[in-house]
Amino acid sequence: MEFAPEPFIKVRYVIDCELAYDSFKGHTPDEIADKLEEEILDVVSELRSELLSVAITTTGLETINV
């Protein structure tokens, strides 16, 4: 017996995050971006039980006024 694949939707968002940054606190911008990505994935995964997967692609990182 064949099973039909479960229908799903794919939603894409672009989110820009600006964070206060203190270079003397011992974390590089890349480390902070990686940690934020992990936290976003955790939060989004907890929001919806029907969520099948979540993927984040970092497309840019810049330091401003540093």
PDB file of N, CA and C in Angstrom:
ATOM      1  N   MET A   1       0.845  -1.175   0.000  1.00  0.00           N
ATOM      2  CA  MET A   1       0.000   0.000   0.000  1.00  0.00           C
ATOM      3  C   MET A   1       0.893   1.243   0.000  1.00  0.00           C
ATOM      4  N   GLU A   2       0.625   2.152  -0.922  1.00  0.00           N
ATOM      5  CA  GLU A   2       1.395   3.395  -1.002  1.00  0.00           C
ATOM      6  C   GLU A   2       0.742   4.475  -0.161  1.00  0.00           C
ATOM      7  N   PHE A   3       1.576   5.262   0.454  1.00  0.00           N
ATOM      8  CA  PHE A   3       1.085   6.384   1.236  1.00  0.00           C
ATOM      9  C   PHE A   3       1.401   7.679   0.505  1.00  0.00           C
ATOM     10  N   ALA A   4       0.432   8.575   0.480  1.00  0.00           N
ATOM     11  CA  ALA A   4       0.648   9.884  -0.135  1.00  0.00           C
ATOM     12  C   ALA A   4       1.510  10.730   0.808  1.00  0.00           C
ATOM     13  N   PRO A   5       2.437  11.488   0.257  1.00  0.00           N
ATOM     14  CA  PRO A   5       3.244  12.343   1.119  1.00  0.00           C
ATOM     15  C   PRO A   5       2.375  13.390   1.816  1.00  0.00           C
ATOM     16  N   GLU A   6       2.750  13.687   3.046  1.00  0.00           N
ATOM     17  CA  GLU A   6       2.001  14.681   3.810  1.00  0.00           C
ATOM     18  C   GLU A   6       2.231  16.066   3.207  1.00  0.00           C
ATOM     19  N   PRO A   7       1.160  16.793   2.945  1.00  0.00           N
ATOM     20  CA  PRO A   7       1.341  18.136   2.398  1.00  0.00           C
ATOM     21  C   PRO A   7       1.942  19.071   3.444  1.00  0.00           C
ATOM     22  N   PHE A   8       2.722  20.023   2.978  1.00  0.00           N
ATOM     23  CA  PHE A   8       3.300  21.007   3.885  1.00  0.00           C
ATOM     24  C   PHE A   8       3.520  22.309   3.141  1.00  0.00           C
ATOM     25  N   ILE A   9       3.772  23.357   3.878  1.00  0.00           N
ATOM     26  CA  ILE A   9       4.106  24.645   3.291  1.00  0.00           C
ATOM     27  C   ILE A   9       5.512  25.031   3.720  1.00  0.00           C
ATOM     28  N   LYS A  10       6.147  25.853   2.922  1.00  0.00           N
ATOM     29  CA  LYS A  10       7.460  26.392   3.279  1.00  0.00           C
ATOM     30  C   LYS A  10       7.318  27.908   3.331  1.00  0.00           C
ATOM     31  N   VAL A  11       7.717  28.490   4.447  1.00  0.00           N
ATOM     32  CA  VAL A  11       7.639  29.929   4.648  1.00  0.00           C
ATOM     33  C   VAL A  11       9.053  30.453   4.842  1.00  0.00           C
ATOM     34  N   ARG A  12       9.403  31.504   4.135  1.00  0.00           N
ATOM     35  CA  ARG A  12      10.738  32.092   4.274  1.00  0.00           C
ATOM     36  C   ARG A  12      10.606  33.523   4.777  1.00  0.00           C
ATOM     37  N   TYR A  13      11.472  33.850   5.715  1.00  0.00           N
ATOM     38  CA  TYR A  13      11.513  35.187   6.298  1.00  0.00           C
ATOM     39  C   TYR A  13      12.938  35.721   6.205  1.00  0.00           C
ATOM     40  N   VAL A  14      13.044  37.023   6.178  1.00  0.00           N
ATOM     41  CA  VAL A  14      14.334  37.685   6.321  1.00  0.00           C
ATOM     42  C   VAL A  14      14.236  38.524   7.582  1.00  0.00           C
ATOM     43  N   ILE A  15      15.150  38.292   8.522  1.00  0.00           N
ATOM     44  CA  ILE A  15      15.144  39.007   9.786  1.00  0.00           C
ATOM     45  C   ILE A  15      16.510  39.653   9.970  1.00  0.00           C
ATOM     46  N   ASP A  16      16.525  40.952  10.198  1.00  0.00           N
ATOM     47  CA  ASP A  16      17.765  41.649  10.532  1.00  0.00           C
ATOM     48  C   ASP A  16      17.774  41.894  12.030  1.00  0.00           C
ATOM     49  N   CYS A  17      18.834  41.503  12.688  1.00  0.00           N
ATOM     50  CA  CYS A  17      18.970  41.709  14.134  1.00  0.00           C
ATOM     51  C   CYS A  17      20.133  42.653  14.394  1.00  0.00           C
ATOM     52  N   GLU A  18      19.899  43.658  15.211  1.00  0.00           N
ATOM     53  CA  GLU A  18      20.968  44.547  15.654  1.00  0.00           C
ATOM     54  C   GLU A  18      21.159  44.317  17.139  1.00  0.00           C
ATOM     55  N   LEU A  19      22.380  44.032  17.542  1.00  0.00           N
ATOM     56  CA  LEU A  19      22.691  43.752  18.939  1.00  0.00           C
ATOM     57  C   LEU A  19      23.763  44.715  19.432  1.00  0.00           C
ATOM     58  N   ALA A  20      23.630  45.129  20.684  1.00  0.00           N
ATOM     59  CA  ALA A  20      24.692  45.908  21.299  1.00  0.00           C
ATOM     60  C   ALA A  20      25.931  45.027  21.368  1.00  0.00           C
ATOM     61  N   TYR A  21      27.090  45.615  21.109  1.00  0.00           N
ATOM     62  CA  TYR A  21      28.319  44.824  21.063  1.00  0.00           C
ATOM     63  C   TYR A  21      29.425  45.520  21.839  1.00  0.00           C
ATOM     64  N   ASP A  22      30.036  44.794  22.738  1.00  0.00           N
ATOM     65  CA  ASP A  22      31.178  45.272  23.502  1.00  0.00           C
ATOM     66  C   ASP A  22      32.338  44.328  23.233  1.00  0.00           C
ATOM     67  N   SER A  23      33.301  44.786  22.467  1.00  0.00           N
ATOM     68  CA  SER A  23      34.427  43.922  22.067  1.00  0.00           C
ATOM     69  C   SER A  23      35.284  43.496  23.254  1.00  0.00           C
ATOM     70  N   PHE A  24      35.111  44.126  24.397  1.00  0.00           N
ATOM     71  CA  PHE A  24      35.911  43.783  25.568  1.00  0.00           C
ATOM     72  C   PHE A  24      35.285  42.660  26.398  1.00  0.00           C
ATOM     73  N   LYS A  25      34.138  42.152  25.993  1.00  0.00           N
ATOM     74  CA  LYS A  25      33.489  41.072  26.746  1.00  0.00           C
ATOM     75  C   LYS A  25      33.961  39.685  26.311  1.00  0.00           C
ATOM     76  N   GLY A  26      34.898  39.621  25.371  1.00  0.00           N
ATOM     77  CA  GLY A  26      35.547  38.355  25.050  1.00  0.00           C
ATOM     78  C   GLY A  26      34.882  37.494  23.991  1.00  0.00           C
ATOM     79  N   HIS A  27      33.866  37.989  23.293  1.00  0.00           N
ATOM     80  CA  HIS A  27      33.222  37.210  22.239  1.00  0.00           C
ATOM     81  C   HIS A  27      33.344  37.947  20.915  1.00  0.00           C
ATOM     82  N   THR A  28      33.682  37.210  19.886  1.00  0.00           N
ATOM     83  CA  THR A  28      33.775  37.818  18.563  1.00  0.00           C
ATOM     84  C   THR A  28      32.373  37.989  17.982  1.00  0.00           C
ATOM     85  N   PRO A  29      32.216  38.865  16.996  1.00  0.00           N
ATOM     86  CA  PRO A  29      30.915  38.983  16.339  1.00  0.00           C
ATOM     87  C   PRO A  29      30.415  37.647  15.776  1.00  0.00           C
ATOM     88  N   ASP A  30      31.332  36.836  15.229  1.00  0.00           N
ATOM     89  CA  ASP A  30      30.921  35.524  14.696  1.00  0.00           C
ATOM     90  C   ASP A  30      30.381  34.607  15.797  1.00  0.00           C
ATOM     91  N   GLU A  31      31.021  34.614  16.961  1.00  0.00           N
ATOM     92  CA  GLU A  31      30.553  33.799  18.078  1.00  0.00           C
ATOM     93  C   GLU A  31      29.171  34.249  18.545  1.00  0.00           C
ATOM     94  N   ILE A  32      28.976  35.547  18.597  1.00  0.00           N
ATOM     95  CA  ILE A  32      27.682  36.077  19.012  1.00  0.00           C
ATOM     96  C   ILE A  32      26.607  35.705  17.994  1.00  0.00           C
ATOM     97  N   ALA A  33      26.932  35.823  16.704  1.00  0.00           N
ATOM     98  CA  ALA A  33      25.979  35.459  15.653  1.00  0.00           C
ATOM     99  C   ALA A  33      25.616  33.983  15.715  1.00  0.00           C
ATOM    100  N   ASP A  34      26.598  33.125  15.949  1.00  0.00           N
ATOM    101  CA  ASP A  34      26.336  31.687  16.058  1.00  0.00           C
ATOM    102  C   ASP A  34      25.425  31.376  17.244  1.00  0.00           C
ATOM    103  N   LYS A  35      25.681  32.011  18.384  1.00  0.00           N
ATOM    104  CA  LYS A  35      24.862  31.795  19.584  1.00  0.00           C
ATOM    105  C   LYS A  35      23.431  32.279  19.349  1.00  0.00           C
ATOM    106  N   LEU A  36      23.289  33.431  18.721  1.00  0.00           N
ATOM    107  CA  LEU A  36      21.954  33.957  18.423  1.00  0.00           C
ATOM    108  C   LEU A  36      21.209  33.015  17.491  1.00  0.00           C
ATOM    109  N   GLU A  37      21.895  32.473  16.507  1.00  0.00           N
ATOM    110  CA  GLU A  37      21.277  31.515  15.586  1.00  0.00           C
ATOM    111  C   GLU A  37      20.749  30.301  16.341  1.00  0.00           C
ATOM    112  N   GLU A  38      21.542  29.763  17.248  1.00  0.00           N
ATOM    113  CA  GLU A  38      21.111  28.619  18.064  1.00  0.00           C
ATOM    114  C   GLU A  38      19.868  28.969  18.881  1.00  0.00           C
ATOM    115  N   GLU A  39      19.881  30.144  19.484  1.00  0.00           N
ATOM    116  CA  GLU A  39      18.755  30.568  20.318  1.00  0.00           C
ATOM    117  C   GLU A  39      17.481  30.759  19.497  1.00  0.00           C
ATOM    118  N   ILE A  40      17.621  31.344  18.304  1.00  0.00           N
ATOM    119  CA  ILE A  40      16.461  31.526  17.428  1.00  0.00           C
ATOM    120  C   ILE A  40      15.888  30.168  17.028  1.00  0.00           C
ATOM    121  N   LEU A  41      16.754  29.226  16.660  1.00  0.00           N
ATOM    122  CA  LEU A  41      16.285  27.888  16.291  1.00  0.00           C
ATOM    123  C   LEU A  41      15.538  27.224  17.446  1.00  0.00           C
ATOM    124  N   ASP A  42      16.067  27.358  18.651  1.00  0.00           N
ATOM    125  CA  ASP A  42      15.414  26.770  19.825  1.00  0.00           C
ATOM    126  C   ASP A  42      14.024  27.366  20.040  1.00  0.00           C
ATOM    127  N   VAL A  43      13.931  28.682  19.979  1.00  0.00           N
ATOM    128  CA  VAL A  43      12.654  29.358  20.232  1.00  0.00           C
ATOM    129  C   VAL A  43      11.629  29.012  19.161  1.00  0.00           C
ATOM    130  N   VAL A  44      12.032  29.086  17.908  1.00  0.00           N
ATOM    131  CA  VAL A  44      11.098  28.801  16.813  1.00  0.00           C
ATOM    132  C   VAL A  44      10.638  27.348  16.866  1.00  0.00           C
ATOM    133  N   SER A  45      11.528  26.441  17.187  1.00  0.00           N
ATOM    134  CA  SER A  45      11.171  25.028  17.262  1.00  0.00           C
ATOM    135  C   SER A  45      10.135  24.754  18.346  1.00  0.00           C
ATOM    136  N   GLU A  46      10.174  25.526  19.410  1.00  0.00           N
ATOM    137  CA  GLU A  46       9.236  25.341  20.514  1.00  0.00           C
ATOM    138  C   GLU A  46       7.861  25.968  20.248  1.00  0.00           C
ATOM    139  N   LEU A  47       7.751  26.825  19.253  1.00  0.00           N
ATOM    140  CA  LEU A  47       6.512  27.564  19.028  1.00  0.00           C
ATOM    141  C   LEU A  47       5.384  26.730  18.428  1.00  0.00           C
ATOM    142  N   ARG A  48       5.706  25.848  17.517  1.00  0.00           N
ATOM    143  CA  ARG A  48       4.671  25.130  16.774  1.00  0.00           C
ATOM    144  C   ARG A  48       4.934  23.642  16.766  1.00  0.00           C
ATOM    145  N   SER A  49       3.976  22.855  17.214  1.00  0.00           N
ATOM    146  CA  SER A  49       4.156  21.407  17.244  1.00  0.00           C
ATOM    147  C   SER A  49       4.178  20.799  15.837  1.00  0.00           C
ATOM    148  N   GLU A  50       3.531  21.452  14.875  1.00  0.00           N
ATOM    149  CA  GLU A  50       3.494  20.924  13.515  1.00  0.00           C
ATOM    150  C   GLU A  50       4.708  21.325  12.677  1.00  0.00           C
ATOM    151  N   LEU A  51       5.652  22.017  13.276  1.00  0.00           N
ATOM    152  CA  LEU A  51       6.850  22.446  12.579  1.00  0.00           C
ATOM    153  C   LEU A  51       7.707  21.228  12.235  1.00  0.00           C
ATOM    154  N   LEU A  52       8.003  21.040  10.967  1.00  0.00           N
ATOM    155  CA  LEU A  52       8.772  19.884  10.514  1.00  0.00           C
ATOM    156  C   LEU A  52      10.274  20.135  10.545  1.00  0.00           C
ATOM    157  N   SER A  53      10.687  21.344  10.184  1.00  0.00           N
ATOM    158  CA  SER A  53      12.113  21.669  10.213  1.00  0.00           C
ATOM    159  C   SER A  53      12.295  23.183  10.212  1.00  0.00           C
ATOM    160  N   VAL A  54      13.459  23.601  10.639  1.00  0.00           N
ATOM    161  CA  VAL A  54      13.823  25.018  10.642  1.00  0.00           C
ATOM    162  C   VAL A  54      15.269  25.105  10.176  1.00  0.00           C
ATOM    163  N   ALA A  55      15.545  26.044   9.310  1.00  0.00           N
ATOM    164  CA  ALA A  55      16.914  26.270   8.848  1.00  0.00           C
ATOM    165  C   ALA A  55      17.169  27.772   8.828  1.00  0.00           C
ATOM    166  N   ILE A  56      18.353  28.149   9.257  1.00  0.00           N
ATOM    167  CA  ILE A  56      18.745  29.555   9.227  1.00  0.00           C
ATOM    168  C   ILE A  56      20.014  29.656   8.398  1.00  0.00           C
ATOM    169  N   THR A  57      20.051  30.631   7.519  1.00  0.00           N
ATOM    170  CA  THR A  57      21.233  30.910   6.729  1.00  0.00           C
ATOM    171  C   THR A  57      21.677  32.333   7.060  1.00  0.00           C
ATOM    172  N   THR A  58      22.876  32.454   7.605  1.00  0.00           N
ATOM    173  CA  THR A  58      23.421  33.778   7.883  1.00  0.00           C
ATOM    174  C   THR A  58      23.970  34.328   6.583  1.00  0.00           C
ATOM    175  N   THR A  59      23.468  35.486   6.170  1.00  0.00           N
ATOM    176  CA  THR A  59      23.865  36.055   4.889  1.00  0.00           C
ATOM    177  C   THR A  59      24.811  37.236   5.026  1.00  0.00           C
ATOM    178  N   GLY A  60      25.001  37.714   6.228  1.00  0.00           N
ATOM    179  CA  GLY A  60      25.916  38.837   6.402  1.00  0.00           C
ATOM    180  C   GLY A  60      26.130  39.154   7.863  1.00  0.00           C
ATOM    181  N   LEU A  61      27.266  39.773   8.138  1.00  0.00           N
ATOM    182  CA  LEU A  61      27.581  40.193   9.491  1.00  0.00           C
ATOM    183  C   LEU A  61      28.497  41.396   9.361  1.00  0.00           C
ATOM    184  N   GLU A  62      28.146  42.488  10.013  1.00  0.00           N
ATOM    185  CA  GLU A  62      29.002  43.650   9.987  1.00  0.00           C
ATOM    186  C   GLU A  62      29.045  44.297  11.360  1.00  0.00           C
ATOM    187  N   THR A  63      30.186  44.843  11.697  1.00  0.00           N
ATOM    188  CA  THR A  63      30.305  45.594  12.932  1.00  0.00           C
ATOM    189  C   THR A  63      30.221  47.076  12.565  1.00  0.00           C
ATOM    190  N   ILE A  64      29.464  47.819  13.353  1.00  0.00           N
ATOM    191  CA  ILE A  64      29.208  49.228  13.065  1.00  0.00           C
ATOM    192  C   ILE A  64      29.683  50.053  14.245  1.00  0.00           C
ATOM    193  N   ASN A  65      30.422  51.082  13.961  1.00  0.00           N
ATOM    194  CA  ASN A  65      30.930  52.016  14.988  1.00  0.00           C
ATOM    195  C   ASN A  65      31.811  51.323  16.017  1.00  0.00           C
ATOM    196  N   VAL A  66      32.561  50.311  15.599  1.00  0.00           N
ATOM    197  CA  VAL A  66      33.455  49.607  16.525  1.00  0.00           C
ATOM    198  C   VAL A  66      34.867  50.090  16.303  1.00  0.00           C
TER     199      VAL A  66
END
